[in-house]
């Protein structure tokens, strides 16, 4: 039965790694959609901003997609480090936070102005949205599956006697427990 526990643990780690990788890809796809906001006006994806307020919205829209995409990518990479994956609370918080962001990305990427261009950009948005929902769901399911820290053998106290020189002529032996044992009586 011990072997089945290891196999189950290995499968969980594999699933976690797959969804972490897929989450990083979703983040990068969202970055691509943010870049499309900026270059889209040149390739007919979006109409160019017509006034100051439209320009502000256009800029914020592109920056938002790029920033959120890069942050998702960065948090997925951070979850691979032992400072996160060996601490259940940090790992669970990382997974839950990313799951909520992926649900939002799925909703945001699947419709709206990101879909206003050619057919391929609409398909890219739908792929990004559905993938984000799958990754978000998996993160919720796997958020309690942090790695266990390696176990260390308990330290065994040293019980060997240590010689302590005292008065150049007489050596006293003191055990590690602290109780002195006098091997030789001093001659006065």
Protein backbone atom coordinates (compact mmCIF):
# COMPACT_ATOMS: atom_id res chain seq x y z
CA UNK A 1 0.00 0.00 0.00
CA UNK A 2 2.93 2.35 0.54
CA UNK A 3 3.61 2.35 -3.18
CA UNK A 4 0.07 3.53 -3.99
CA UNK A 5 0.55 6.63 -1.80
CA UNK A 6 3.64 7.58 -3.76
CA UNK A 7 1.86 6.99 -7.08
CA UNK A 8 -1.05 9.17 -5.97
CA UNK A 9 1.34 11.89 -4.80
CA UNK A 10 3.20 11.72 -8.10
CA UNK A 11 -0.06 12.05 -10.05
CA UNK A 12 -1.08 15.08 -8.00
CA UNK A 13 2.32 16.72 -8.59
CA UNK A 14 2.03 15.96 -12.31
CA UNK A 15 -1.48 17.48 -12.49
CA UNK A 16 -0.32 20.51 -10.52
CA UNK A 17 2.64 20.99 -12.89
CA UNK A 18 0.41 20.63 -15.96
CA UNK A 19 -2.07 23.25 -14.73
CA UNK A 20 0.73 25.56 -13.58
CA UNK A 21 2.22 25.38 -17.09
CA UNK A 22 -1.18 25.89 -18.70
CA UNK A 23 -1.78 28.86 -16.39
CA UNK A 24 1.50 30.41 -17.50
CA UNK A 25 0.41 29.95 -21.14
CA UNK A 26 -2.98 31.56 -20.41
CA UNK A 27 -1.15 34.53 -18.87
CA UNK A 28 0.99 34.90 -21.99
CA UNK A 29 -2.09 34.60 -24.25
CA UNK A 30 -3.67 37.44 -22.31
CA UNK A 31 -0.48 39.48 -22.87
CA UNK A 32 -0.85 38.81 -26.60
CA UNK A 33 -4.42 40.10 -26.44
CA UNK A 34 -3.15 43.24 -24.70
CA UNK A 35 -0.56 43.74 -27.43
CA UNK A 36 -3.35 43.33 -30.00
CA UNK A 37 -5.13 46.27 -28.39
CA UNK A 38 -2.12 48.46 -29.22
CA UNK A 39 -1.26 47.11 -32.68
CA UNK A 40 -4.87 46.37 -33.53
CA UNK A 41 -5.51 49.87 -34.79
CA UNK A 42 -2.76 49.39 -37.41
CA UNK A 43 -4.05 46.00 -38.64
CA UNK A 44 -7.77 46.78 -38.55
CA UNK A 45 -8.47 44.95 -35.30
CA UNK A 46 -9.83 48.00 -33.50
CA UNK A 47 -10.72 51.47 -34.63
CA UNK A 48 -8.21 54.10 -33.49
CA UNK A 49 -9.11 56.32 -30.53
CA UNK A 50 -11.12 59.35 -31.62
CA UNK A 51 -10.65 61.68 -28.64
CA UNK A 52 -8.76 62.06 -25.37
CA UNK A 53 -11.19 59.95 -23.34
CA UNK A 54 -11.29 57.19 -25.93
CA UNK A 55 -7.48 57.26 -25.99
CA UNK A 56 -7.32 56.93 -22.20
CA UNK A 57 -9.62 53.91 -22.31
CA UNK A 58 -7.62 52.36 -25.18
CA UNK A 59 -4.35 52.80 -23.23
CA UNK A 60 -5.81 51.45 -19.98
CA UNK A 61 -7.35 48.47 -21.77
CA UNK A 62 -4.06 47.41 -23.35
CA UNK A 63 -2.00 47.99 -20.20
CA UNK A 64 -4.52 46.08 -18.09
CA UNK A 65 -4.36 42.99 -20.32
CA UNK A 66 -0.56 43.03 -20.49
CA UNK A 67 -0.08 43.65 -16.75
CA UNK A 68 -2.58 40.99 -15.65
CA UNK A 69 -1.11 38.48 -18.12
CA UNK A 70 2.46 39.06 -16.93
CA UNK A 71 1.40 38.92 -13.27
CA UNK A 72 -0.33 35.57 -13.83
CA UNK A 73 2.79 34.27 -15.55
CA UNK A 74 4.99 35.55 -12.70
CA UNK A 75 2.79 34.04 -9.96
CA UNK A 76 2.71 30.70 -11.79
CA UNK A 77 6.51 30.71 -11.95
CA UNK A 78 6.73 31.75 -8.28
CA UNK A 79 4.55 28.79 -7.29
CA UNK A 80 7.34 26.50 -8.54
CA UNK A 81 9.76 27.78 -5.88
CA UNK A 82 10.05 25.95 -2.57
CA UNK A 83 9.23 29.15 -0.64
CA UNK A 84 5.65 28.75 -1.94
CA UNK A 85 5.13 25.09 -2.76
CA UNK A 86 6.44 23.80 0.59
CA UNK A 87 4.21 26.07 2.69
CA UNK A 88 0.54 25.13 2.54
CA UNK A 89 -0.81 28.56 3.49
CA UNK A 90 1.26 30.41 0.86
CA UNK A 91 0.53 27.77 -1.76
CA UNK A 92 -3.22 27.80 -1.07
CA UNK A 93 -3.33 31.62 -1.14
CA UNK A 94 -1.37 31.63 -4.42
CA UNK A 95 -3.71 29.07 -6.00
CA UNK A 96 -6.92 30.73 -4.76
CA UNK A 97 -5.83 34.19 -5.86
CA UNK A 98 -4.83 32.92 -9.28
CA UNK A 99 -8.08 30.94 -9.60
CA UNK A 100 -10.11 34.11 -9.06
CA UNK A 101 -7.98 36.01 -11.58
CA UNK A 102 -8.38 33.19 -14.12
CA UNK A 103 -12.16 33.25 -13.75
CA UNK A 104 -12.02 37.01 -14.42
CA UNK A 105 -9.67 36.52 -17.40
CA UNK A 106 -12.05 33.93 -18.82
CA UNK A 107 -14.94 36.34 -18.65
CA UNK A 108 -12.93 39.29 -19.95
CA UNK A 109 -11.19 37.48 -22.84
CA UNK A 110 -14.26 35.64 -24.11
CA UNK A 111 -16.16 38.72 -25.26
CA UNK A 112 -16.23 42.49 -25.54
CA UNK A 113 -13.80 44.69 -27.43
CA UNK A 114 -11.17 41.95 -27.61
CA UNK A 115 -13.50 40.12 -30.00
CA UNK A 116 -14.10 43.05 -32.35
CA UNK A 117 -11.47 42.07 -34.92
CA UNK A 118 -11.05 39.25 -37.40
CA UNK A 119 -12.25 35.69 -36.77
CA UNK A 120 -8.85 34.48 -35.52
CA UNK A 121 -8.81 37.07 -32.73
CA UNK A 122 -12.25 35.91 -31.62
CA UNK A 123 -11.04 32.29 -31.59
CA UNK A 124 -7.94 33.36 -29.62
CA UNK A 125 -10.19 35.08 -27.06
CA UNK A 126 -12.41 32.02 -26.71
CA UNK A 127 -9.40 29.69 -26.33
CA UNK A 128 -7.91 32.03 -23.72
CA UNK A 129 -11.22 32.31 -21.86
CA UNK A 130 -12.03 28.59 -21.76
CA UNK A 131 -8.44 27.70 -20.85
CA UNK A 132 -8.52 30.28 -18.06
CA UNK A 133 -11.71 28.76 -16.63
CA UNK A 134 -10.22 25.24 -16.76
CA UNK A 135 -7.02 26.41 -15.04
CA UNK A 136 -8.98 28.39 -12.43
CA UNK A 137 -11.10 25.33 -11.61
CA UNK A 138 -8.02 23.11 -11.35
CA UNK A 139 -6.29 25.62 -9.07
CA UNK A 140 -9.27 25.53 -6.71
CA UNK A 141 -9.23 21.72 -6.69
CA UNK A 142 -5.45 21.52 -6.14
CA UNK A 143 -4.94 24.44 -3.76
CA UNK A 144 -4.50 22.16 -0.75
CA UNK A 145 -1.86 20.02 -2.48
CA UNK A 146 1.37 21.72 -1.48
CA UNK A 147 4.56 19.67 -1.32
CA UNK A 148 5.54 18.33 2.06
CA UNK A 149 8.80 19.67 3.44
CA UNK A 150 11.55 17.08 3.66
CA UNK A 151 11.73 15.42 7.05
CA UNK A 152 14.96 15.69 8.97
CA UNK A 153 16.21 13.18 11.51
CA UNK A 154 15.89 14.54 15.06
CA UNK A 155 19.13 15.79 16.53
CA UNK A 156 20.62 13.39 19.07
CA UNK A 157 22.30 15.17 21.98
CA UNK A 158 25.97 14.44 22.33
CA UNK A 159 26.77 12.41 25.47
CA UNK A 160 30.51 12.04 25.09
CA UNK A 161 32.56 13.38 28.01
CA UNK A 162 34.57 16.53 27.49
CA UNK A 163 37.77 17.14 29.42
CA UNK A 164 38.06 20.54 31.02
CA UNK A 165 41.50 21.57 32.27
CA UNK A 166 41.59 23.23 35.62
CA UNK A 167 44.64 24.29 37.67
CA UNK A 168 47.23 22.82 35.26
CA UNK A 169 47.63 19.69 37.43
CA UNK A 170 44.07 18.42 37.67
CA UNK A 171 41.60 17.57 34.91
CA UNK A 172 37.95 17.28 35.66
CA UNK A 173 35.59 15.44 33.37
CA UNK A 174 32.22 16.97 32.79
CA UNK A 175 29.48 15.13 30.92
CA UNK A 176 27.35 16.89 28.36
CA UNK A 177 24.47 16.68 30.80
CA UNK A 178 26.21 19.17 33.02
CA UNK A 179 26.97 17.05 36.10
CA UNK A 180 30.67 17.09 36.90
CA UNK A 181 32.45 13.85 37.74
CA UNK A 182 35.73 14.12 39.58
CA UNK A 183 38.10 11.45 38.43
CA UNK A 184 40.93 12.41 40.80
CA UNK A 185 40.73 13.92 44.26
CA UNK A 186 42.79 17.04 44.64
CA UNK A 187 45.69 16.93 47.08
CA UNK A 188 45.97 20.08 49.11
